N, C-alpha and C. Protein backbone atom coordinates (compact mmCIF):
# COMPACT_ATOMS: atom_id res chain seq x y z
N MET A 1 85.91 94.60 157.19
CA MET A 1 87.14 94.73 156.87
C MET A 1 87.44 95.83 155.63
N VAL A 2 86.46 95.92 154.80
CA VAL A 2 86.54 97.03 153.79
C VAL A 2 86.38 98.31 154.46
N GLN A 3 85.54 98.46 155.45
CA GLN A 3 85.32 99.77 156.08
C GLN A 3 86.70 100.25 156.77
N LYS A 4 87.47 99.30 157.20
CA LYS A 4 88.75 99.80 157.93
C LYS A 4 89.82 100.03 156.86
N ASP A 5 89.91 99.23 155.86
CA ASP A 5 90.91 99.33 154.73
C ASP A 5 90.35 99.08 153.47
N ASN A 6 90.04 100.02 152.55
CA ASN A 6 89.55 99.76 151.31
C ASN A 6 90.45 99.19 150.32
N LYS A 7 91.76 99.25 150.77
CA LYS A 7 92.75 98.70 149.72
C LYS A 7 93.25 97.29 150.10
N ILE A 8 92.59 96.72 151.07
CA ILE A 8 92.97 95.47 151.30
C ILE A 8 92.70 94.44 150.17
N PRO A 9 93.70 93.47 149.86
CA PRO A 9 93.46 92.63 148.75
C PRO A 9 92.25 91.68 148.84
N GLN A 10 91.59 91.55 147.82
CA GLN A 10 90.38 90.67 147.85
C GLN A 10 90.75 89.23 148.21
N ARG A 11 91.89 88.75 147.83
CA ARG A 11 92.35 87.47 148.24
C ARG A 11 92.44 87.25 149.82
N GLN A 12 92.76 88.29 150.42
CA GLN A 12 92.88 88.31 151.91
C GLN A 12 91.54 88.32 152.46
N ILE A 13 90.53 89.03 151.90
CA ILE A 13 89.18 89.09 152.42
C ILE A 13 88.52 87.66 152.21
N ALA A 14 88.92 87.09 151.09
CA ALA A 14 88.23 85.81 150.64
C ALA A 14 88.81 84.74 151.72
N ASP A 15 90.13 84.67 152.10
CA ASP A 15 90.53 83.86 152.99
C ASP A 15 89.88 83.97 154.48
N ALA A 16 89.64 85.24 154.72
CA ALA A 16 89.04 85.46 156.12
C ALA A 16 87.55 85.13 156.15
N VAL A 17 86.89 85.17 155.13
CA VAL A 17 85.35 84.83 155.05
C VAL A 17 85.06 83.59 154.51
N HIS A 18 86.11 82.86 153.96
CA HIS A 18 85.97 81.50 153.48
C HIS A 18 85.12 81.57 152.11
N LEU A 19 85.44 82.49 151.29
CA LEU A 19 84.97 82.54 149.92
C LEU A 19 85.96 82.72 148.90
N SER A 20 85.68 82.58 147.77
CA SER A 20 86.53 82.78 146.60
C SER A 20 86.76 84.26 146.26
N ALA A 21 87.80 84.55 145.67
CA ALA A 21 88.11 86.00 145.35
C ALA A 21 87.12 86.56 144.50
N ALA A 22 86.59 85.73 143.51
CA ALA A 22 85.58 86.15 142.57
C ALA A 22 84.33 86.45 143.24
N ALA A 23 83.96 85.70 144.34
CA ALA A 23 82.69 85.84 145.03
C ALA A 23 82.69 87.12 145.83
N VAL A 24 84.05 87.40 146.35
CA VAL A 24 84.19 88.65 147.09
C VAL A 24 83.90 89.78 146.21
N GLN A 25 84.63 89.73 145.17
CA GLN A 25 84.52 90.93 144.06
C GLN A 25 83.10 91.08 143.69
N ARG A 26 82.27 90.02 143.45
CA ARG A 26 80.88 90.15 143.18
C ARG A 26 80.16 90.84 144.26
N ARG A 27 80.37 90.36 145.44
CA ARG A 27 79.64 91.10 146.63
C ARG A 27 79.94 92.42 146.87
N ILE A 28 81.23 92.84 146.62
CA ILE A 28 81.59 94.34 146.69
C ILE A 28 80.97 95.12 145.63
N ALA A 29 81.04 94.59 144.43
CA ALA A 29 80.32 95.35 143.30
C ALA A 29 78.89 95.41 143.62
N ALA A 30 78.15 94.39 144.16
CA ALA A 30 76.70 94.46 144.47
C ALA A 30 76.46 95.61 145.52
N MET A 31 77.35 95.68 146.61
CA MET A 31 77.15 96.62 147.58
C MET A 31 77.32 98.06 147.08
N GLU A 32 78.26 98.34 146.06
CA GLU A 32 78.38 99.54 145.48
C GLU A 32 77.21 99.90 144.66
N LYS A 33 76.68 98.98 143.92
CA LYS A 33 75.47 99.03 143.06
C LYS A 33 74.25 99.52 143.82
N ASN A 34 74.07 98.76 145.03
CA ASN A 34 72.85 99.15 145.77
C ASN A 34 73.09 100.15 146.75
N GLY A 35 74.20 100.85 146.84
CA GLY A 35 74.18 102.11 147.56
C GLY A 35 74.80 101.83 149.01
N ILE A 36 75.16 100.54 149.32
CA ILE A 36 75.61 100.20 150.65
C ILE A 36 76.99 100.87 150.84
N ILE A 37 77.79 100.75 149.84
CA ILE A 37 79.09 101.44 149.92
C ILE A 37 78.89 102.70 149.14
N ARG A 38 78.85 103.88 149.82
CA ARG A 38 78.46 105.21 149.18
C ARG A 38 79.62 105.72 148.47
N GLN A 39 80.85 105.68 148.97
CA GLN A 39 81.98 106.19 148.15
C GLN A 39 83.32 105.62 148.80
N ASN A 40 84.35 105.78 147.97
CA ASN A 40 85.75 105.32 148.45
C ASN A 40 86.58 106.70 148.66
N SER A 41 86.99 106.92 149.74
CA SER A 41 87.57 108.16 150.03
C SER A 41 88.84 107.91 150.99
N ALA A 42 89.70 108.87 151.23
CA ALA A 42 90.92 108.88 152.06
C ALA A 42 90.62 109.74 153.22
N ILE A 43 91.13 109.22 154.46
CA ILE A 43 90.98 109.88 155.68
C ILE A 43 92.32 110.57 156.08
N LEU A 44 92.42 111.90 156.11
CA LEU A 44 93.60 112.51 156.50
C LEU A 44 93.84 112.75 157.90
N ASP A 45 95.13 112.85 158.24
CA ASP A 45 95.51 113.13 159.68
C ASP A 45 95.54 114.66 159.75
N VAL A 46 94.57 115.11 160.66
CA VAL A 46 94.40 116.58 160.81
C VAL A 46 95.60 117.23 161.27
N HIS A 47 96.47 116.61 162.05
CA HIS A 47 97.62 117.22 162.56
C HIS A 47 98.81 117.27 161.47
N ALA A 48 98.80 116.23 160.65
CA ALA A 48 99.71 116.29 159.65
C ALA A 48 99.54 117.37 158.59
N VAL A 49 98.34 117.86 158.43
CA VAL A 49 98.05 118.94 157.45
C VAL A 49 97.71 120.40 158.20
N ASP A 50 98.17 120.34 159.59
CA ASP A 50 98.07 121.52 160.31
C ASP A 50 96.62 122.07 160.57
N MET A 51 95.71 121.27 160.67
CA MET A 51 94.29 121.56 160.99
C MET A 51 94.06 121.07 162.36
N ASN A 52 94.48 122.04 163.33
CA ASN A 52 94.52 121.68 164.67
C ASN A 52 93.32 121.92 165.67
N ILE A 53 92.39 122.71 164.99
CA ILE A 53 91.11 123.00 165.70
C ILE A 53 90.07 122.25 165.30
N THR A 54 89.46 121.47 166.11
CA THR A 54 88.18 120.75 165.85
C THR A 54 87.20 121.20 166.82
N ALA A 55 86.08 121.82 166.31
CA ALA A 55 85.05 122.44 167.17
C ALA A 55 83.70 121.60 166.99
N ILE A 56 83.11 121.34 168.08
CA ILE A 56 81.74 120.79 168.06
C ILE A 56 80.70 121.97 168.45
N VAL A 57 79.93 122.25 167.49
CA VAL A 57 79.15 123.53 167.67
C VAL A 57 77.64 123.10 167.77
N GLU A 58 76.94 123.70 168.80
CA GLU A 58 75.54 123.50 168.92
C GLU A 58 74.91 124.85 168.47
N VAL A 59 73.94 124.55 167.45
CA VAL A 59 73.34 125.76 166.76
C VAL A 59 71.86 125.77 167.13
N HIS A 60 71.37 126.97 167.53
CA HIS A 60 70.04 127.23 167.85
C HIS A 60 69.38 128.06 166.75
N LEU A 61 68.38 127.66 166.05
CA LEU A 61 67.76 128.46 165.07
C LEU A 61 66.69 129.49 165.68
N ARG A 62 66.28 130.37 164.90
CA ARG A 62 65.37 131.33 165.31
C ARG A 62 63.97 130.68 165.56
N ASP A 63 63.69 129.83 164.68
CA ASP A 63 62.36 128.99 164.71
C ASP A 63 62.69 127.78 163.90
N GLU A 64 61.63 126.90 163.96
CA GLU A 64 61.75 125.60 163.35
C GLU A 64 60.84 125.43 162.17
N ARG A 65 60.56 126.64 161.50
CA ARG A 65 59.81 126.48 160.23
C ARG A 65 60.53 125.79 159.07
N ILE A 66 59.87 125.18 158.12
CA ILE A 66 60.46 124.48 157.19
C ILE A 66 61.43 125.36 156.33
N GLU A 67 61.15 126.61 156.03
CA GLU A 67 62.00 127.46 155.26
C GLU A 67 63.25 127.76 156.07
N THR A 68 63.07 127.93 157.37
CA THR A 68 64.31 128.31 158.23
C THR A 68 65.21 127.07 158.23
N VAL A 69 64.66 125.84 158.47
CA VAL A 69 65.48 124.66 158.51
C VAL A 69 66.17 124.37 157.25
N ASP A 70 65.50 124.48 156.18
CA ASP A 70 66.08 124.25 154.86
C ASP A 70 67.09 125.27 154.55
N SER A 71 66.94 126.53 154.93
CA SER A 71 68.08 127.61 154.68
C SER A 71 69.29 127.15 155.44
N ALA A 72 69.06 126.75 156.73
CA ALA A 72 70.32 126.41 157.54
C ALA A 72 71.04 125.09 156.96
N LYS A 73 70.14 124.12 156.45
CA LYS A 73 70.81 123.05 155.84
C LYS A 73 71.59 123.30 154.63
N ASN A 74 71.14 124.16 153.81
CA ASN A 74 71.80 124.68 152.61
C ASN A 74 73.03 125.31 152.92
N LEU A 75 72.92 126.18 154.05
CA LEU A 75 74.19 126.90 154.37
C LEU A 75 75.19 126.08 154.87
N PHE A 76 74.87 125.04 155.77
CA PHE A 76 75.94 124.12 156.27
C PHE A 76 76.59 123.27 155.24
N LYS A 77 75.67 122.74 154.19
CA LYS A 77 76.17 121.86 153.13
C LYS A 77 77.13 122.63 152.32
N SER A 78 76.88 123.89 152.05
CA SER A 78 77.78 124.63 151.15
C SER A 78 79.03 125.24 151.85
N THR A 79 79.20 124.99 153.03
CA THR A 79 80.44 125.46 153.81
C THR A 79 81.37 124.40 153.95
N PRO A 80 82.63 124.48 153.21
CA PRO A 80 83.50 123.40 153.17
C PRO A 80 84.22 123.10 154.55
N GLU A 81 84.18 124.09 155.43
CA GLU A 81 84.84 123.75 156.70
C GLU A 81 83.99 123.05 157.60
N VAL A 82 82.70 122.88 157.43
CA VAL A 82 81.81 122.01 158.19
C VAL A 82 82.01 120.59 157.66
N GLN A 83 82.65 119.92 158.52
CA GLN A 83 82.97 118.54 158.23
C GLN A 83 81.68 117.57 158.25
N GLN A 84 81.00 117.83 159.35
CA GLN A 84 79.79 116.97 159.66
C GLN A 84 78.65 117.93 160.13
N CYS A 85 77.50 117.61 159.79
CA CYS A 85 76.16 118.27 160.25
C CYS A 85 75.10 117.46 160.48
N TYR A 86 74.45 117.54 161.73
CA TYR A 86 73.45 116.77 162.16
C TYR A 86 72.14 117.62 162.58
N TYR A 87 71.06 117.41 162.11
CA TYR A 87 69.80 117.95 162.51
C TYR A 87 69.15 117.11 163.64
N VAL A 88 69.17 117.69 164.78
CA VAL A 88 68.91 116.85 165.99
C VAL A 88 67.75 117.36 166.84
N THR A 89 67.38 116.57 167.83
CA THR A 89 66.28 116.95 168.78
C THR A 89 66.86 117.29 170.11
N GLY A 90 66.08 117.72 171.11
CA GLY A 90 66.50 117.96 172.39
C GLY A 90 66.71 119.44 172.66
N GLY A 91 66.16 120.25 171.99
CA GLY A 91 66.32 121.75 172.34
C GLY A 91 67.39 122.34 171.39
N ILE A 92 68.25 121.58 170.66
CA ILE A 92 69.17 122.14 169.87
C ILE A 92 68.87 121.78 168.40
N SER A 93 69.05 122.69 167.49
CA SER A 93 68.60 122.54 166.10
C SER A 93 69.66 121.75 165.31
N PHE A 94 70.97 122.10 165.45
CA PHE A 94 71.97 121.41 164.65
C PHE A 94 73.14 121.16 165.56
N VAL A 95 73.90 120.08 165.20
CA VAL A 95 75.27 119.98 165.82
C VAL A 95 76.24 119.83 164.58
N LEU A 96 77.25 120.72 164.66
CA LEU A 96 78.25 120.73 163.54
C LEU A 96 79.66 120.36 164.14
N VAL A 97 80.40 119.81 163.13
CA VAL A 97 81.78 119.54 163.46
C VAL A 97 82.64 120.32 162.38
N ILE A 98 83.41 121.26 162.96
CA ILE A 98 84.21 122.32 162.16
C ILE A 98 85.50 121.99 162.38
N VAL A 99 86.43 121.84 161.24
CA VAL A 99 87.76 121.65 161.36
C VAL A 99 88.52 122.88 160.71
N THR A 100 89.41 123.53 161.54
CA THR A 100 90.25 124.76 161.01
C THR A 100 91.59 124.57 161.39
N SER A 101 92.31 125.47 160.97
CA SER A 101 93.75 125.51 161.23
C SER A 101 94.11 126.12 162.54
N ASP A 102 93.39 127.18 163.02
CA ASP A 102 93.66 127.95 164.19
C ASP A 102 92.51 128.62 164.64
N VAL A 103 92.62 129.29 165.85
CA VAL A 103 91.46 130.11 166.43
C VAL A 103 91.09 131.22 165.48
N LYS A 104 91.96 131.87 164.90
CA LYS A 104 91.69 133.04 164.11
C LYS A 104 90.88 132.63 162.90
N ALA A 105 91.23 131.47 162.35
CA ALA A 105 90.45 130.97 161.17
C ALA A 105 89.11 130.62 161.58
N TYR A 106 88.91 130.00 162.85
CA TYR A 106 87.67 129.49 163.30
C TYR A 106 86.72 130.86 163.62
N GLU A 107 87.30 131.79 164.10
CA GLU A 107 86.56 133.20 164.41
C GLU A 107 86.06 133.66 163.02
N GLN A 108 86.70 133.64 162.00
CA GLN A 108 86.29 134.06 160.70
C GLN A 108 85.09 133.27 160.12
N ILE A 109 85.18 131.90 160.44
CA ILE A 109 84.14 131.04 159.91
C ILE A 109 82.82 131.23 160.78
N THR A 110 82.92 131.46 162.00
CA THR A 110 81.70 131.66 162.82
C THR A 110 81.11 133.02 162.52
N ARG A 111 81.87 134.13 162.11
CA ARG A 111 81.27 135.30 161.78
C ARG A 111 80.63 135.18 160.28
N ARG A 112 81.28 134.37 159.57
CA ARG A 112 80.55 134.17 158.13
C ARG A 112 79.36 133.41 158.28
N ILE A 113 79.36 132.24 159.06
CA ILE A 113 78.18 131.51 159.11
C ILE A 113 77.07 131.83 159.97
N PHE A 114 77.55 132.30 161.30
CA PHE A 114 76.42 132.58 162.30
C PHE A 114 76.12 133.93 162.42
N ALA A 115 77.11 134.81 162.44
CA ALA A 115 76.72 136.19 162.71
C ALA A 115 76.04 136.93 161.50
N GLN A 116 76.21 136.38 160.33
CA GLN A 116 75.69 137.14 159.14
C GLN A 116 74.38 136.51 158.67
N ASN A 117 73.71 135.68 159.42
CA ASN A 117 72.57 135.03 158.98
C ASN A 117 71.49 135.10 160.20
N ASP A 118 70.45 135.74 159.76
CA ASP A 118 69.44 136.18 160.83
C ASP A 118 68.67 135.00 161.31
N PHE A 119 68.62 133.91 160.65
CA PHE A 119 67.76 132.70 161.17
C PHE A 119 68.50 131.86 162.22
N ILE A 120 69.78 132.28 162.53
CA ILE A 120 70.49 131.64 163.56
C ILE A 120 70.27 132.49 164.86
N ALA A 121 69.69 131.88 165.81
CA ALA A 121 69.45 132.63 167.17
C ALA A 121 70.84 132.70 167.97
N LYS A 122 71.42 131.53 168.21
CA LYS A 122 72.70 131.52 168.92
C LYS A 122 73.38 130.22 168.70
N TYR A 123 74.61 130.17 169.11
CA TYR A 123 75.40 128.95 169.01
C TYR A 123 76.39 128.88 170.17
N ARG A 124 76.95 127.58 170.30
CA ARG A 124 77.92 127.43 171.38
C ARG A 124 78.99 126.48 170.87
N SER A 125 80.23 126.88 171.09
CA SER A 125 81.29 126.07 170.55
C SER A 125 82.08 125.31 171.64
N LEU A 126 82.22 124.04 171.28
CA LEU A 126 83.06 123.20 172.29
C LEU A 126 84.38 122.79 171.38
N ILE A 127 85.58 123.31 171.86
CA ILE A 127 86.75 123.05 171.35
C ILE A 127 87.33 121.66 171.79
N ALA A 128 87.59 120.76 170.92
CA ALA A 128 88.19 119.47 171.28
C ALA A 128 89.66 119.53 171.71
N LEU A 129 89.95 119.06 172.94
CA LEU A 129 91.24 119.04 173.40
C LEU A 129 92.18 117.87 172.86
N ASP A 130 91.39 116.78 172.67
CA ASP A 130 92.17 115.51 172.04
C ASP A 130 91.08 114.78 171.27
N ARG A 131 91.52 114.44 170.05
CA ARG A 131 90.67 113.47 169.21
C ARG A 131 90.93 112.06 169.60
N VAL A 132 90.22 111.62 170.61
CA VAL A 132 90.39 110.27 171.27
C VAL A 132 90.04 109.15 170.24
N LYS A 133 88.90 109.29 169.59
CA LYS A 133 88.46 108.28 168.60
C LYS A 133 87.73 108.96 167.52
N SER A 134 88.02 108.70 166.28
CA SER A 134 87.40 109.24 165.13
C SER A 134 87.38 108.14 163.98
N GLY A 135 86.18 108.02 163.54
CA GLY A 135 85.98 106.91 162.45
C GLY A 135 84.71 106.97 161.91
N SER A 136 84.49 106.08 160.82
CA SER A 136 83.23 105.98 160.25
C SER A 136 82.63 104.44 160.08
N GLU A 137 83.38 103.60 160.79
CA GLU A 137 82.91 102.21 160.74
C GLU A 137 81.55 102.09 161.34
N ILE A 138 80.85 101.20 160.77
CA ILE A 138 79.47 100.75 161.35
C ILE A 138 79.49 99.34 161.61
N ILE A 139 79.08 99.00 162.84
CA ILE A 139 78.96 97.56 163.29
C ILE A 139 77.73 97.08 162.88
N ILE A 140 77.51 96.13 162.09
CA ILE A 140 76.25 95.60 161.56
C ILE A 140 75.87 94.26 162.47
N PRO A 141 74.90 94.16 163.24
CA PRO A 141 74.60 92.97 163.95
C PRO A 141 74.42 91.79 163.07
N ARG A 142 74.71 90.63 163.56
CA ARG A 142 74.62 89.41 162.81
C ARG A 142 73.22 89.10 162.39
N TYR A 143 72.30 89.48 163.25
CA TYR A 143 70.90 89.07 162.91
C TYR A 143 70.35 89.95 161.69
N GLN A 144 70.92 91.10 161.50
CA GLN A 144 70.47 92.11 160.37
C GLN A 144 71.17 91.42 159.12
N LEU A 145 72.30 90.86 159.18
CA LEU A 145 72.88 90.24 158.00
C LEU A 145 72.09 89.00 157.64
N LYS A 146 71.69 88.24 158.68
CA LYS A 146 70.84 87.03 158.51
C LYS A 146 69.53 87.25 157.87
N ASN A 147 68.83 88.40 158.40
CA ASN A 147 67.59 88.83 157.83
C ASN A 147 67.74 89.36 156.39
N ARG A 148 68.87 89.88 155.98
CA ARG A 148 69.03 90.53 154.72
C ARG A 148 69.22 89.33 153.72
N ARG A 149 70.00 88.20 154.19
CA ARG A 149 70.16 87.05 153.33
C ARG A 149 68.79 86.33 153.12
N MET A 150 67.96 86.34 154.22
CA MET A 150 66.63 85.66 154.01
C MET A 150 65.84 86.48 153.06
N LEU A 151 65.87 87.81 153.24
CA LEU A 151 65.00 88.60 152.23
C LEU A 151 65.55 88.39 150.74
N VAL A 152 66.85 88.39 150.62
CA VAL A 152 67.47 88.11 149.19
C VAL A 152 66.91 86.73 148.69
N ARG A 153 67.09 85.71 149.53
CA ARG A 153 66.72 84.41 149.21
C ARG A 153 65.28 84.31 148.91
N ARG A 154 64.31 84.96 149.65
CA ARG A 154 63.04 84.94 149.43
C ARG A 154 62.69 85.67 148.14
N ARG A 155 63.37 86.78 147.81
CA ARG A 155 63.07 87.52 146.52
C ARG A 155 63.55 86.53 145.39
N ASN A 156 64.59 85.87 145.52
CA ASN A 156 64.94 84.97 144.44
C ASN A 156 63.95 83.84 144.25
N GLN A 157 63.43 83.31 145.41
CA GLN A 157 62.35 82.28 145.21
C GLN A 157 61.11 82.71 144.55
N GLN A 158 60.74 84.03 144.80
CA GLN A 158 59.54 84.73 144.26
C GLN A 158 59.78 84.85 142.70
N VAL A 159 61.06 85.23 142.32
CA VAL A 159 61.38 85.41 140.91
C VAL A 159 61.28 84.08 140.17
N HIS A 160 61.87 83.10 140.83
CA HIS A 160 61.80 81.77 140.36
C HIS A 160 60.40 81.15 140.14
N ARG A 161 59.46 81.30 141.16
CA ARG A 161 58.11 81.03 141.00
C ARG A 161 57.41 81.77 139.96
N ARG A 162 57.68 83.09 139.80
CA ARG A 162 57.06 83.77 138.90
C ARG A 162 57.38 83.40 137.42
N GLY A 163 58.69 83.14 137.31
CA GLY A 163 59.10 82.53 135.95
C GLY A 163 58.47 81.30 135.72
N ARG A 164 58.47 80.30 136.67
CA ARG A 164 57.85 79.00 136.49
C ARG A 164 56.28 79.12 136.07
N ALA A 165 55.69 80.16 136.81
CA ALA A 165 54.23 80.32 136.41
C ALA A 165 53.99 80.87 135.01
N LEU A 166 54.99 81.75 134.56
CA LEU A 166 54.84 82.06 133.21
C LEU A 166 54.96 81.00 132.19
N ARG A 167 56.05 80.19 132.47
CA ARG A 167 56.22 79.01 131.67
C ARG A 167 55.07 78.09 131.65
N LEU A 168 54.38 77.93 132.68
CA LEU A 168 53.15 77.11 132.77
C LEU A 168 51.92 77.64 131.94
N LYS A 169 51.92 79.05 131.99
CA LYS A 169 50.90 79.62 131.27
C LYS A 169 51.04 79.73 129.75
N MET A 170 52.36 79.41 129.25
CA MET A 170 52.45 79.48 127.80
C MET A 170 51.64 78.43 127.06
N PRO A 171 51.02 78.77 125.95
CA PRO A 171 50.14 77.78 125.27
C PRO A 171 50.91 76.54 124.72
N GLU A 172 50.21 75.44 124.73
CA GLU A 172 50.91 74.27 124.28
C GLU A 172 51.14 74.36 122.77
N TYR A 173 52.00 73.52 122.21
CA TYR A 173 52.34 73.48 120.85
C TYR A 173 51.15 72.74 119.99
N THR A 174 50.77 73.37 119.04
CA THR A 174 49.61 72.90 118.15
C THR A 174 50.13 72.94 116.72
N PRO A 175 50.29 71.79 115.98
CA PRO A 175 50.71 71.96 114.56
C PRO A 175 49.86 72.65 113.69
N THR A 176 50.47 73.21 112.62
CA THR A 176 49.76 73.99 111.75
C THR A 176 49.30 73.06 110.71
N LEU A 177 48.30 73.70 109.83
CA LEU A 177 47.77 72.88 108.69
C LEU A 177 48.75 72.29 107.68
N ARG A 178 49.87 73.02 107.47
CA ARG A 178 50.88 72.66 106.61
C ARG A 178 51.62 71.46 107.16
N GLN A 179 51.86 71.48 108.56
CA GLN A 179 52.54 70.41 109.24
C GLN A 179 51.76 69.12 109.29
N LYS A 180 50.34 69.35 109.40
CA LYS A 180 49.45 68.11 109.44
C LYS A 180 49.41 67.57 108.11
N ILE A 181 49.51 68.22 106.87
CA ILE A 181 49.40 67.69 105.63
C ILE A 181 50.78 67.03 105.21
N PHE A 182 51.86 67.72 105.28
CA PHE A 182 53.11 67.46 104.64
C PHE A 182 54.00 66.60 105.63
N GLU A 183 53.87 66.80 106.81
CA GLU A 183 54.65 65.90 107.81
C GLU A 183 54.07 64.57 108.03
N PRO A 184 54.77 63.62 107.87
CA PRO A 184 54.13 62.23 108.01
C PRO A 184 53.94 62.02 109.49
N ARG A 185 52.89 61.27 109.76
CA ARG A 185 52.74 60.91 111.20
C ARG A 185 53.49 59.54 111.50
N PRO A 186 53.88 59.40 112.57
CA PRO A 186 54.50 58.17 112.86
C PRO A 186 53.54 56.95 112.85
N GLN A 187 54.00 55.87 112.11
CA GLN A 187 53.09 54.70 111.97
C GLN A 187 53.26 53.74 113.15
N GLU A 188 52.13 53.34 113.53
CA GLU A 188 52.13 52.30 114.67
C GLU A 188 52.59 51.00 114.07
N PRO A 189 53.30 50.16 114.80
CA PRO A 189 53.69 48.82 114.23
C PRO A 189 52.52 47.98 113.94
N HIS A 190 52.58 47.26 112.85
CA HIS A 190 51.44 46.39 112.37
C HIS A 190 51.42 45.17 113.34
N LYS A 191 50.11 45.02 113.74
CA LYS A 191 49.88 43.77 114.50
C LYS A 191 49.09 42.78 113.79
N CYS A 192 49.72 41.55 113.77
CA CYS A 192 49.11 40.34 112.92
C CYS A 192 48.02 39.65 113.96
N THR A 193 46.86 39.65 113.49
CA THR A 193 45.84 39.04 114.38
C THR A 193 45.41 37.73 113.87
N ALA A 194 45.80 37.38 112.50
CA ALA A 194 45.39 36.01 112.01
C ALA A 194 46.25 34.95 112.58
N GLU A 195 45.57 33.89 112.80
CA GLU A 195 46.38 32.69 113.31
C GLU A 195 47.18 31.95 112.19
N PRO A 196 48.32 31.60 112.43
CA PRO A 196 49.08 30.80 111.40
C PRO A 196 48.33 29.50 111.00
N PRO A 197 48.44 29.10 109.74
CA PRO A 197 47.71 27.95 109.11
C PRO A 197 48.17 26.66 109.80
N TRP A 198 49.33 26.65 110.40
CA TRP A 198 49.89 25.42 110.95
C TRP A 198 49.16 24.95 112.21
N ARG A 199 48.40 25.86 112.76
CA ARG A 199 47.81 25.56 114.02
C ARG A 199 46.50 24.89 113.89
C-alpha cells in the first residue's frame, strides 16, 4: 500500500492490516531505518511535462575490463537524462532508459554520451511508442515475509537468552564486614524445651 501511495493515511493502513496506527507508524519507521524504504519521491507524468521521448538503449562496451566498466557506470550515473541504468549479461554491457523532450534533444544526448567516449563500441536505440506500464512496486511473496518474521523472532529470542545468561553469571550478593558487624541478624524464635511443672 505504501509503495502505491506514500501519502495514504496510517489509520487507513491500520484498518487494512488489522493493526493500530501506532504499530503501523513503528513498522514504517523501522523499514526506513533498515533501508527497506530507500526514499520518498514523486512520480511525474512525462507527457504533462512534455518529455515525450523514452528510449531504451543497448550499450556495448569496447571491453569488459574493470576500468572500462567503472568508467561507463560513472558516466551514466552522472548523466541526468539517464533515468535508469542496468549492467546486464547476454552479450550487452548496459541497458539504459533515457527520457527527453524530442528527437533533437535525444540526438544531442547520444553524441555527448556515446560518440565522445572511446570505451563505448556501439549502441542501439529502441524508441518507445507507448508507455503501457511503468512503476516501481515490488511484489514480496508471503513466504519471504514469514521467513523475515521468523528471523526477527529468532534474533529477539537470542538477545533474551543472552541477557538471561548474563544475569545468571552475575556474582551473588555477599555482605561486607561492616554489614556483618553492625546489621543485626534476624533472631530465630525461642523454642521452650522444658516441660511444665504441672505435668
